[in-house]
């Protein structure tokens, strides 16, 4: 029963704007994203027609062509370079402000979908439609919010931000099967309290895998819940690491959801405990 409650907690995270805001697997803070002034932009980055490398080359070229004294040329080159740098800085800040105005304050990610919240409050303002095929694809979300974000993201090593679609779907399926198996085990467990022969149902095979190895309901629940918990831990561990590595220099931040991960691993612990108790009971009945 305890494992069932923990799984129910996992299922309700980030499903609607009324969901508890502390229930999430991953939270991406975007209040200060993007901080373009704190990073070294590519020399070839052209923003709104202003190219930093062209501006610098132009300043050097014009300085060499000035027909005046060496001191006058140096002053002219310095002023031109400062003007170019100022133009680039203004355009970078304008791009940063434009992107920031289209982004929410944060994204919170659950099992079935994600929710977004405003910068001023911690509550959810909008949530995606819950789906059994959900996978958190931050690159696609960024692209739908503002295409300009692509101009500030690194060209390489950001594919991990697109998420892990196959593993995510497998994890969701495993959670569903684990929940159903746990529910059935609980029902049969309650049945044994009223009917002594009810225990016979606990050894009915619920799944047959290659090799004709028969798994009981309790074993199936434990395997599915454990596999699902491992899957989401690995997925969001990798995505969190990628965000901290790629986007943290730009002002973003990512963190694990303590409450939801605690719930899913408690479900694993309770499932193993229930299986152990069941094995002890079966052993005692057989001796």
C-alpha atoms as a PDB file:
ATOM      1  CA  UNK A   1       0.000   0.000   0.000  1.00  0.00           C
ATOM      2  CA  UNK A   2       2.858   2.406   0.842  1.00  0.00           C
ATOM      3  CA  UNK A   3       4.477   1.793  -2.553  1.00  0.00           C
ATOM      4  CA  UNK A   4       1.148   2.521  -4.224  1.00  0.00           C
ATOM      5  CA  UNK A   5       0.872   5.868  -2.419  1.00  0.00           C
ATOM      6  CA  UNK A   6       4.422   6.824  -3.416  1.00  0.00           C
ATOM      7  CA  UNK A   7       3.712   6.008  -7.060  1.00  0.00           C
ATOM      8  CA  UNK A   8       0.532   8.084  -6.914  1.00  0.00           C
ATOM      9  CA  UNK A   9       2.641  11.033  -5.719  1.00  0.00           C
ATOM     10  CA  UNK A  10       4.972  10.555  -8.688  1.00  0.00           C
ATOM     11  CA  UNK A  11       2.000  10.497 -11.062  1.00  0.00           C
ATOM     12  CA  UNK A  12       0.483  13.822  -9.904  1.00  0.00           C
ATOM     13  CA  UNK A  13       3.634  15.911 -10.354  1.00  0.00           C
ATOM     14  CA  UNK A  14       3.440  18.655 -13.015  1.00  0.00           C
ATOM     15  CA  UNK A  15       0.101  17.536 -14.461  1.00  0.00           C
ATOM     16  CA  UNK A  16      -1.797  20.829 -14.086  1.00  0.00           C
ATOM     17  CA  UNK A  17      -1.451  24.366 -12.781  1.00  0.00           C
ATOM     18  CA  UNK A  18      -2.909  23.183  -9.469  1.00  0.00           C
ATOM     19  CA  UNK A  19      -0.219  20.524  -8.978  1.00  0.00           C
ATOM     20  CA  UNK A  20       2.053  20.979  -5.928  1.00  0.00           C
ATOM     21  CA  UNK A  21       5.003  23.068  -7.087  1.00  0.00           C
ATOM     22  CA  UNK A  22       7.503  21.027  -5.064  1.00  0.00           C
ATOM     23  CA  UNK A  23       6.734  17.809  -6.988  1.00  0.00           C
ATOM     24  CA  UNK A  24       9.050  17.636  -9.999  1.00  0.00           C
ATOM     25  CA  UNK A  25      11.965  15.572 -11.307  1.00  0.00           C
ATOM     26  CA  UNK A  26      13.823  18.533 -12.783  1.00  0.00           C
ATOM     27  CA  UNK A  27      13.586  22.293 -12.426  1.00  0.00           C
ATOM     28  CA  UNK A  28      15.218  24.662 -14.905  1.00  0.00           C
ATOM     29  CA  UNK A  29      15.653  28.225 -13.629  1.00  0.00           C
ATOM     30  CA  UNK A  30      15.661  30.817 -16.432  1.00  0.00           C
ATOM     31  CA  UNK A  31      15.222  34.077 -14.537  1.00  0.00           C
ATOM     32  CA  UNK A  32      18.677  35.321 -15.560  1.00  0.00           C
ATOM     33  CA  UNK A  33      18.880  33.540 -18.901  1.00  0.00           C
ATOM     34  CA  UNK A  34      20.576  34.498 -21.139  1.00  0.00           C
ATOM     35  CA  UNK A  35      23.449  36.462 -19.594  1.00  0.00           C
ATOM     36  CA  UNK A  36      25.308  37.139 -22.810  1.00  0.00           C
ATOM     37  CA  UNK A  37      27.541  39.793 -21.319  1.00  0.00           C
ATOM     38  CA  UNK A  38      29.297  37.223 -19.144  1.00  0.00           C
ATOM     39  CA  UNK A  39      30.401  34.922 -21.989  1.00  0.00           C
ATOM     40  CA  UNK A  40      32.798  35.204 -24.907  1.00  0.00           C
ATOM     41  CA  UNK A  41      30.733  35.390 -28.071  1.00  0.00           C
ATOM     42  CA  UNK A  42      32.074  33.829 -31.242  1.00  0.00           C
ATOM     43  CA  UNK A  43      34.095  36.250 -33.340  1.00  0.00           C
ATOM     44  CA  UNK A  44      31.862  35.394 -36.274  1.00  0.00           C
ATOM     45  CA  UNK A  45      28.650  36.097 -34.361  1.00  0.00           C
ATOM     46  CA  UNK A  46      26.679  38.732 -36.230  1.00  0.00           C
ATOM     47  CA  UNK A  47      23.820  40.353 -34.330  1.00  0.00           C
ATOM     48  CA  UNK A  48      21.378  42.547 -36.217  1.00  0.00           C
ATOM     49  CA  UNK A  49      23.995  43.367 -38.848  1.00  0.00           C
ATOM     50  CA  UNK A  50      26.840  44.192 -36.457  1.00  0.00           C
ATOM     51  CA  UNK A  51      29.824  41.842 -36.691  1.00  0.00           C
ATOM     52  CA  UNK A  52      32.434  42.205 -33.982  1.00  0.00           C
ATOM     53  CA  UNK A  53      35.329  40.890 -36.087  1.00  0.00           C
ATOM     54  CA  UNK A  54      34.394  43.092 -39.077  1.00  0.00           C
ATOM     55  CA  UNK A  55      34.141  46.114 -36.819  1.00  0.00           C
ATOM     56  CA  UNK A  56      37.550  45.466 -35.324  1.00  0.00           C
ATOM     57  CA  UNK A  57      39.124  44.871 -38.749  1.00  0.00           C
ATOM     58  CA  UNK A  58      37.511  48.039 -40.073  1.00  0.00           C
ATOM     59  CA  UNK A  59      38.895  50.023 -37.187  1.00  0.00           C
ATOM     60  CA  UNK A  60      42.396  48.709 -37.829  1.00  0.00           C
ATOM     61  CA  UNK A  61      42.168  49.330 -41.570  1.00  0.00           C
ATOM     62  CA  UNK A  62      40.872  52.856 -41.226  1.00  0.00           C
ATOM     63  CA  UNK A  63      43.504  53.670 -38.668  1.00  0.00           C
ATOM     64  CA  UNK A  64      46.288  52.578 -41.025  1.00  0.00           C
ATOM     65  CA  UNK A  65      44.889  54.786 -43.770  1.00  0.00           C
ATOM     66  CA  UNK A  66      44.649  57.947 -41.747  1.00  0.00           C
ATOM     67  CA  UNK A  67      47.054  60.580 -43.089  1.00  0.00           C
ATOM     68  CA  UNK A  68      48.053  62.160 -39.836  1.00  0.00           C
ATOM     69  CA  UNK A  69      50.480  61.829 -37.015  1.00  0.00           C
ATOM     70  CA  UNK A  70      50.960  58.548 -35.130  1.00  0.00           C
ATOM     71  CA  UNK A  71      49.191  59.888 -32.057  1.00  0.00           C
ATOM     72  CA  UNK A  72      46.176  61.039 -34.100  1.00  0.00           C
ATOM     73  CA  UNK A  73      45.947  57.621 -35.781  1.00  0.00           C
ATOM     74  CA  UNK A  74      46.072  55.840 -32.428  1.00  0.00           C
ATOM     75  CA  UNK A  75      43.309  58.031 -31.005  1.00  0.00           C
ATOM     76  CA  UNK A  76      41.160  57.527 -34.077  1.00  0.00           C
ATOM     77  CA  UNK A  77      41.644  53.758 -33.980  1.00  0.00           C
ATOM     78  CA  UNK A  78      40.793  53.667 -30.291  1.00  0.00           C
ATOM     79  CA  UNK A  79      37.607  55.689 -30.760  1.00  0.00           C
ATOM     80  CA  UNK A  80      36.514  53.554 -33.702  1.00  0.00           C
ATOM     81  CA  UNK A  81      37.145  50.333 -31.784  1.00  0.00           C
ATOM     82  CA  UNK A  82      35.217  51.626 -28.780  1.00  0.00           C
ATOM     83  CA  UNK A  83      32.300  52.547 -31.026  1.00  0.00           C
ATOM     84  CA  UNK A  84      32.298  49.081 -32.574  1.00  0.00           C
ATOM     85  CA  UNK A  85      32.446  47.406 -29.171  1.00  0.00           C
ATOM     86  CA  UNK A  86      29.634  49.635 -27.932  1.00  0.00           C
ATOM     87  CA  UNK A  87      27.470  48.723 -30.922  1.00  0.00           C
ATOM     88  CA  UNK A  88      28.042  45.006 -30.405  1.00  0.00           C
ATOM     89  CA  UNK A  89      27.368  45.324 -26.675  1.00  0.00           C
ATOM     90  CA  UNK A  90      24.087  47.131 -27.309  1.00  0.00           C
ATOM     91  CA  UNK A  91      22.977  44.519 -29.841  1.00  0.00           C
ATOM     92  CA  UNK A  92      23.937  41.666 -27.503  1.00  0.00           C
ATOM     93  CA  UNK A  93      21.966  43.248 -24.668  1.00  0.00           C
ATOM     94  CA  UNK A  94      19.006  43.826 -26.977  1.00  0.00           C
ATOM     95  CA  UNK A  95      19.074  40.152 -28.036  1.00  0.00           C
ATOM     96  CA  UNK A  96      19.312  39.050 -24.399  1.00  0.00           C
ATOM     97  CA  UNK A  97      16.350  41.192 -23.378  1.00  0.00           C
ATOM     98  CA  UNK A  98      14.264  39.954 -26.305  1.00  0.00           C
ATOM     99  CA  UNK A  99      14.887  36.289 -25.444  1.00  0.00           C
ATOM    100  CA  UNK A 100      14.311  36.842 -21.743  1.00  0.00           C
ATOM    101  CA  UNK A 101      10.978  38.562 -22.376  1.00  0.00           C
ATOM    102  CA  UNK A 102       9.617  35.448 -24.103  1.00  0.00           C
ATOM    103  CA  UNK A 103      10.785  32.936 -21.510  1.00  0.00           C
ATOM    104  CA  UNK A 104       9.077  31.957 -18.240  1.00  0.00           C
ATOM    105  CA  UNK A 105      10.916  32.126 -14.956  1.00  0.00           C
ATOM    106  CA  UNK A 106      11.325  28.350 -14.765  1.00  0.00           C
ATOM    107  CA  UNK A 107      10.286  24.963 -16.112  1.00  0.00           C
ATOM    108  CA  UNK A 108       9.348  22.126 -13.761  1.00  0.00           C
ATOM    109  CA  UNK A 109       9.360  18.628 -15.263  1.00  0.00           C
ATOM    110  CA  UNK A 110       7.280  15.683 -14.087  1.00  0.00           C
ATOM    111  CA  UNK A 111       6.565  12.173 -15.372  1.00  0.00           C
ATOM    112  CA  UNK A 112       3.820  13.074 -17.863  1.00  0.00           C
ATOM    113  CA  UNK A 113       4.762  16.637 -18.847  1.00  0.00           C
ATOM    114  CA  UNK A 114       6.166  19.958 -17.710  1.00  0.00           C
ATOM    115  CA  UNK A 115       4.855  23.194 -16.229  1.00  0.00           C
ATOM    116  CA  UNK A 116       6.155  26.733 -16.435  1.00  0.00           C
ATOM    117  CA  UNK A 117       6.013  29.524 -13.902  1.00  0.00           C
ATOM    118  CA  UNK A 118       6.430  33.264 -13.970  1.00  0.00           C
ATOM    119  CA  UNK A 119       9.424  35.092 -12.596  1.00  0.00           C
ATOM    120  CA  UNK A 120       7.413  36.936  -9.978  1.00  0.00           C
ATOM    121  CA  UNK A 121       5.706  33.929  -8.356  1.00  0.00           C
ATOM    122  CA  UNK A 122       6.482  30.291  -7.655  1.00  0.00           C
ATOM    123  CA  UNK A 123       3.106  29.022  -8.884  1.00  0.00           C
ATOM    124  CA  UNK A 124       2.492  27.421 -12.266  1.00  0.00           C
ATOM    125  CA  UNK A 125       1.004  29.544 -15.012  1.00  0.00           C
ATOM    126  CA  UNK A 126       0.805  26.933 -17.753  1.00  0.00           C
ATOM    127  CA  UNK A 127       1.361  23.177 -18.174  1.00  0.00           C
ATOM    128  CA  UNK A 128       1.754  20.875 -21.139  1.00  0.00           C
ATOM    129  CA  UNK A 129      -0.865  18.242 -21.886  1.00  0.00           C
ATOM    130  CA  UNK A 130      -0.013  15.060 -19.906  1.00  0.00           C
ATOM    131  CA  UNK A 131       1.111  12.295 -22.238  1.00  0.00           C
ATOM    132  CA  UNK A 132       2.328   8.715 -21.895  1.00  0.00           C
ATOM    133  CA  UNK A 133       4.911   9.447 -24.615  1.00  0.00           C
ATOM    134  CA  UNK A 134       6.299  12.572 -22.942  1.00  0.00           C
ATOM    135  CA  UNK A 135       9.988  13.387 -23.179  1.00  0.00           C
ATOM    136  CA  UNK A 136      11.499  16.670 -21.996  1.00  0.00           C
ATOM    137  CA  UNK A 137      13.022  18.269 -25.101  1.00  0.00           C
ATOM    138  CA  UNK A 138      14.428  21.621 -23.991  1.00  0.00           C
ATOM    139  CA  UNK A 139      15.803  22.463 -27.446  1.00  0.00           C
ATOM    140  CA  UNK A 140      12.356  22.134 -29.040  1.00  0.00           C
ATOM    141  CA  UNK A 141      10.774  24.158 -26.249  1.00  0.00           C
ATOM    142  CA  UNK A 142      13.340  26.920 -26.713  1.00  0.00           C
ATOM    143  CA  UNK A 143      12.764  26.892 -30.469  1.00  0.00           C
ATOM    144  CA  UNK A 144       9.013  27.282 -30.044  1.00  0.00           C
ATOM    145  CA  UNK A 145       9.421  30.135 -27.566  1.00  0.00           C
ATOM    146  CA  UNK A 146      12.001  32.210 -29.425  1.00  0.00           C
ATOM    147  CA  UNK A 147      14.040  31.186 -32.483  1.00  0.00           C
ATOM    148  CA  UNK A 148      16.634  33.763 -31.430  1.00  0.00           C
ATOM    149  CA  UNK A 149      17.788  31.421 -28.644  1.00  0.00           C
ATOM    150  CA  UNK A 150      19.562  29.359 -31.282  1.00  0.00           C
ATOM    151  CA  UNK A 151      21.934  32.277 -31.872  1.00  0.00           C
ATOM    152  CA  UNK A 152      23.371  32.064 -28.347  1.00  0.00           C
ATOM    153  CA  UNK A 153      23.510  28.288 -27.861  1.00  0.00           C
ATOM    154  CA  UNK A 154      26.725  26.392 -28.628  1.00  0.00           C
ATOM    155  CA  UNK A 155      26.862  24.750 -32.031  1.00  0.00           C
ATOM    156  CA  UNK A 156      27.989  21.406 -30.592  1.00  0.00           C
ATOM    157  CA  UNK A 157      27.492  19.195 -27.532  1.00  0.00           C
ATOM    158  CA  UNK A 158      23.906  20.316 -26.949  1.00  0.00           C
ATOM    159  CA  UNK A 159      22.059  17.280 -28.340  1.00  0.00           C
ATOM    160  CA  UNK A 160      21.533  15.955 -24.820  1.00  0.00           C
ATOM    161  CA  UNK A 161      19.213  18.931 -24.230  1.00  0.00           C
ATOM    162  CA  UNK A 162      16.817  17.298 -26.709  1.00  0.00           C
ATOM    163  CA  UNK A 163      16.133  14.596 -24.111  1.00  0.00           C
ATOM    164  CA  UNK A 164      15.959  10.820 -24.346  1.00  0.00           C
ATOM    165  CA  UNK A 165      12.695   9.957 -26.054  1.00  0.00           C
ATOM    166  CA  UNK A 166      12.943   6.162 -26.103  1.00  0.00           C
ATOM    167  CA  UNK A 167      14.142   5.816 -22.521  1.00  0.00           C
ATOM    168  CA  UNK A 168      11.533   8.300 -21.290  1.00  0.00           C
ATOM    169  CA  UNK A 169       8.697   6.373 -22.912  1.00  0.00           C
ATOM    170  CA  UNK A 170      10.031   3.091 -21.565  1.00  0.00           C
ATOM    171  CA  UNK A 171      10.210   4.572 -18.055  1.00  0.00           C
ATOM    172  CA  UNK A 172       6.606   5.792 -18.256  1.00  0.00           C
ATOM    173  CA  UNK A 173       5.459   2.352 -19.426  1.00  0.00           C
ATOM    174  CA  UNK A 174       7.398   0.727 -16.588  1.00  0.00           C
ATOM    175  CA  UNK A 175       5.758   3.076 -14.064  1.00  0.00           C
ATOM    176  CA  UNK A 176       2.308   2.174 -15.364  1.00  0.00           C
ATOM    177  CA  UNK A 177       3.020  -1.566 -15.275  1.00  0.00           C
ATOM    178  CA  UNK A 178       4.584  -1.199 -11.831  1.00  0.00           C
ATOM    179  CA  UNK A 179       1.543   0.664 -10.545  1.00  0.00           C
ATOM    180  CA  UNK A 180      -0.871  -1.926 -11.959  1.00  0.00           C
ATOM    181  CA  UNK A 181       1.190  -4.822 -10.581  1.00  0.00           C
ATOM    182  CA  UNK A 182       1.427  -3.165  -7.185  1.00  0.00           C
ATOM    183  CA  UNK A 183      -2.311  -2.508  -7.151  1.00  0.00           C
ATOM    184  CA  UNK A 184      -3.081  -6.122  -8.016  1.00  0.00           C
ATOM    185  CA  UNK A 185      -0.665  -7.341  -5.327  1.00  0.00           C
ATOM    186  CA  UNK A 186      -2.359  -5.071  -2.769  1.00  0.00           C
ATOM    187  CA  UNK A 187      -5.817  -6.369  -3.759  1.00  0.00           C
ATOM    188  CA  UNK A 188      -4.703  -9.970  -3.442  1.00  0.00           C
ATOM    189  CA  UNK A 189      -2.964  -9.164  -0.181  1.00  0.00           C
ATOM    190  CA  UNK A 190      -6.185  -7.754   1.252  1.00  0.00           C
ATOM    191  CA  UNK A 191      -8.020 -10.814  -0.063  1.00  0.00           C
ATOM    192  CA  UNK A 192      -5.808 -13.092   2.028  1.00  0.00           C
ATOM    193  CA  UNK A 193      -7.068 -11.342   5.159  1.00  0.00           C
ATOM    194  CA  UNK A 194     -10.545 -12.702   4.490  1.00  0.00           C
ATOM    195  CA  UNK A 195      -9.933 -15.856   2.489  1.00  0.00           C
ATOM    196  CA  UNK A 196      -7.131 -18.198   3.490  1.00  0.00           C
ATOM    197  CA  UNK A 197      -6.999 -19.626  -0.015  1.00  0.00           C
ATOM    198  CA  UNK A 198      -6.433 -16.173  -1.413  1.00  0.00           C
ATOM    199  CA  UNK A 199      -2.690 -16.665  -1.096  1.00  0.00           C
ATOM    200  CA  UNK A 200      -2.802 -18.996  -4.039  1.00  0.00           C
ATOM    201  CA  UNK A 201      -3.373 -15.993  -6.289  1.00  0.00           C
ATOM    202  CA  UNK A 202      -0.082 -14.412  -5.249  1.00  0.00           C
ATOM    203  CA  UNK A 203       1.844 -17.113  -7.084  1.00  0.00           C
ATOM    204  CA  UNK A 204      -0.110 -16.853 -10.325  1.00  0.00           C
ATOM    205  CA  UNK A 205       2.384 -15.839 -13.031  1.00  0.00           C
ATOM    206  CA  UNK A 206       1.720 -12.321 -14.246  1.00  0.00           C
ATOM    207  CA  UNK A 207       4.395 -12.205 -16.884  1.00  0.00           C
ATOM    208  CA  UNK A 208       6.354 -14.686 -18.965  1.00  0.00           C
ATOM    209  CA  UNK A 209       9.709 -13.521 -20.314  1.00  0.00           C
ATOM    210  CA  UNK A 210      12.078 -15.260 -22.771  1.00  0.00           C
ATOM    211  CA  UNK A 211      13.340 -18.471 -21.288  1.00  0.00           C
ATOM    212  CA  UNK A 212       9.914 -19.280 -19.849  1.00  0.00           C
ATOM    213  CA  UNK A 213      10.874 -17.737 -16.525  1.00  0.00           C
ATOM    214  CA  UNK A 214       7.720 -17.037 -14.589  1.00  0.00           C
ATOM    215  CA  UNK A 215       7.501 -13.929 -12.464  1.00  0.00           C
ATOM    216  CA  UNK A 216       5.000 -13.446  -9.700  1.00  0.00           C
ATOM    217  CA  UNK A 217       2.913 -10.309  -9.293  1.00  0.00           C
ATOM    218  CA  UNK A 218       5.062  -9.014  -6.450  1.00  0.00           C
ATOM    219  CA  UNK A 219       8.265  -9.651  -8.349  1.00  0.00           C
ATOM    220  CA  UNK A 220       6.868  -7.926 -11.441  1.00  0.00           C
ATOM    221  CA  UNK A 221       5.887  -4.854  -9.422  1.00  0.00           C
ATOM    222  CA  UNK A 222       9.349  -4.643  -7.869  1.00  0.00           C
ATOM    223  CA  UNK A 223      11.137  -4.995 -11.212  1.00  0.00           C
ATOM    224  CA  UNK A 224       8.986  -2.445 -13.027  1.00  0.00           C
ATOM    225  CA  UNK A 225       9.109   0.163 -10.249  1.00  0.00           C
ATOM    226  CA  UNK A 226      12.869  -0.246  -9.839  1.00  0.00           C
ATOM    227  CA  UNK A 227      13.501  -0.048 -13.577  1.00  0.00           C
ATOM    228  CA  UNK A 228      11.336   3.055 -13.938  1.00  0.00           C
ATOM    229  CA  UNK A 229      13.076   4.776 -11.025  1.00  0.00           C
ATOM    230  CA  UNK A 230      16.504   4.008 -12.447  1.00  0.00           C
ATOM    231  CA  UNK A 231      15.391   5.269 -15.861  1.00  0.00           C
ATOM    232  CA  UNK A 232      14.164   8.695 -14.694  1.00  0.00           C
ATOM    233  CA  UNK A 233      17.167   9.112 -12.394  1.00  0.00           C
ATOM    234  CA  UNK A 234      19.591   8.519 -15.257  1.00  0.00           C
ATOM    235  CA  UNK A 235      17.630  10.669 -17.729  1.00  0.00           C
ATOM    236  CA  UNK A 236      17.298  13.727 -15.536  1.00  0.00           C
ATOM    237  CA  UNK A 237      20.761  13.281 -14.116  1.00  0.00           C
ATOM    238  CA  UNK A 238      22.202  13.564 -17.630  1.00  0.00           C
ATOM    239  CA  UNK A 239      19.964  16.482 -18.594  1.00  0.00           C
ATOM    240  CA  UNK A 240      20.766  18.329 -15.367  1.00  0.00           C
ATOM    241  CA  UNK A 241      24.485  17.859 -15.979  1.00  0.00           C
ATOM    242  CA  UNK A 242      24.134  19.082 -19.560  1.00  0.00           C
ATOM    243  CA  UNK A 243      22.232  22.207 -18.523  1.00  0.00           C
ATOM    244  CA  UNK A 244      24.800  23.015 -15.863  1.00  0.00           C
ATOM    245  CA  UNK A 245      27.600  22.514 -18.362  1.00  0.00           C
ATOM    246  CA  UNK A 246      26.102  24.216 -21.429  1.00  0.00           C
ATOM    247  CA  UNK A 247      23.549  26.730 -20.155  1.00  0.00           C
ATOM    248  CA  UNK A 248      24.831  27.659 -16.701  1.00  0.00           C
ATOM    249  CA  UNK A 249      27.454  30.040 -18.210  1.00  0.00           C
ATOM    250  CA  UNK A 250      24.495  31.766 -19.881  1.00  0.00           C
ATOM    251  CA  UNK A 251      22.630  32.248 -16.603  1.00  0.00           C
ATOM    252  CA  UNK A 252      20.427  29.119 -16.498  1.00  0.00           C
ATOM    253  CA  UNK A 253      20.386  26.697 -13.594  1.00  0.00           C
ATOM    254  CA  UNK A 254      19.040  23.160 -13.108  1.00  0.00           C
ATOM    255  CA  UNK A 255      18.282  21.105 -10.021  1.00  0.00           C
ATOM    256  CA  UNK A 256      16.840  17.730  -9.023  1.00  0.00           C
ATOM    257  CA  UNK A 257      13.408  17.523  -7.434  1.00  0.00           C
ATOM    258  CA  UNK A 258      14.049  16.120  -3.968  1.00  0.00           C
ATOM    259  CA  UNK A 259      10.434  15.258  -3.161  1.00  0.00           C
ATOM    260  CA  UNK A 260       9.609  13.357  -6.348  1.00  0.00           C
ATOM    261  CA  UNK A 261      12.848  11.388  -6.385  1.00  0.00           C
ATOM    262  CA  UNK A 262      12.336  10.562  -2.725  1.00  0.00           C
ATOM    263  CA  UNK A 263       8.837   9.305  -3.554  1.00  0.00           C
ATOM    264  CA  UNK A 264       9.963   7.089  -6.424  1.00  0.00           C
ATOM    265  CA  UNK A 265      12.831   5.507  -4.475  1.00  0.00           C
ATOM    266  CA  UNK A 266      10.626   5.012  -1.439  1.00  0.00           C
ATOM    267  CA  UNK A 267       8.268   3.151  -3.762  1.00  0.00           C
ATOM    268  CA  UNK A 268      11.216   0.938  -4.697  1.00  0.00           C
ATOM    269  CA  UNK A 269      12.096   0.351  -1.036  1.00  0.00           C
ATOM    270  CA  UNK A 270       8.504  -0.464  -0.068  1.00  0.00           C
ATOM    271  CA  UNK A 271       8.154  -2.746  -3.082  1.00  0.00           C
ATOM    272  CA  UNK A 272      11.275  -4.684  -2.102  1.00  0.00           C
ATOM    273  CA  UNK A 273      10.044  -4.867   1.502  1.00  0.00           C
ATOM    274  CA  UNK A 274       6.680  -6.229   0.377  1.00  0.00           C
ATOM    275  CA  UNK A 275       8.393  -8.805  -1.814  1.00  0.00           C
ATOM    276  CA  UNK A 276      10.644  -9.865   1.060  1.00  0.00           C
ATOM    277  CA  UNK A 277       7.654 -10.263   3.391  1.00  0.00           C
ATOM    278  CA  UNK A 278       5.843 -12.269   0.734  1.00  0.00           C
ATOM    279  CA  UNK A 279       8.860 -14.568   0.297  1.00  0.00           C
ATOM    280  CA  UNK A 280       9.120 -15.080   4.046  1.00  0.00           C
ATOM    281  CA  UNK A 281       5.424 -15.947   4.247  1.00  0.00           C
ATOM    282  CA  UNK A 282       5.704 -18.387   1.359  1.00  0.00           C
ATOM    283  CA  UNK A 283       8.755 -20.002   2.967  1.00  0.00           C
ATOM    284  CA  UNK A 284       6.984 -20.337   6.304  1.00  0.00           C
ATOM    285  CA  UNK A 285       3.945 -21.879   4.619  1.00  0.00           C
ATOM    286  CA  UNK A 286       6.088 -24.449   2.842  1.00  0.00           C
ATOM    287  CA  UNK A 287       8.048 -25.714   5.868  1.00  0.00           C
END
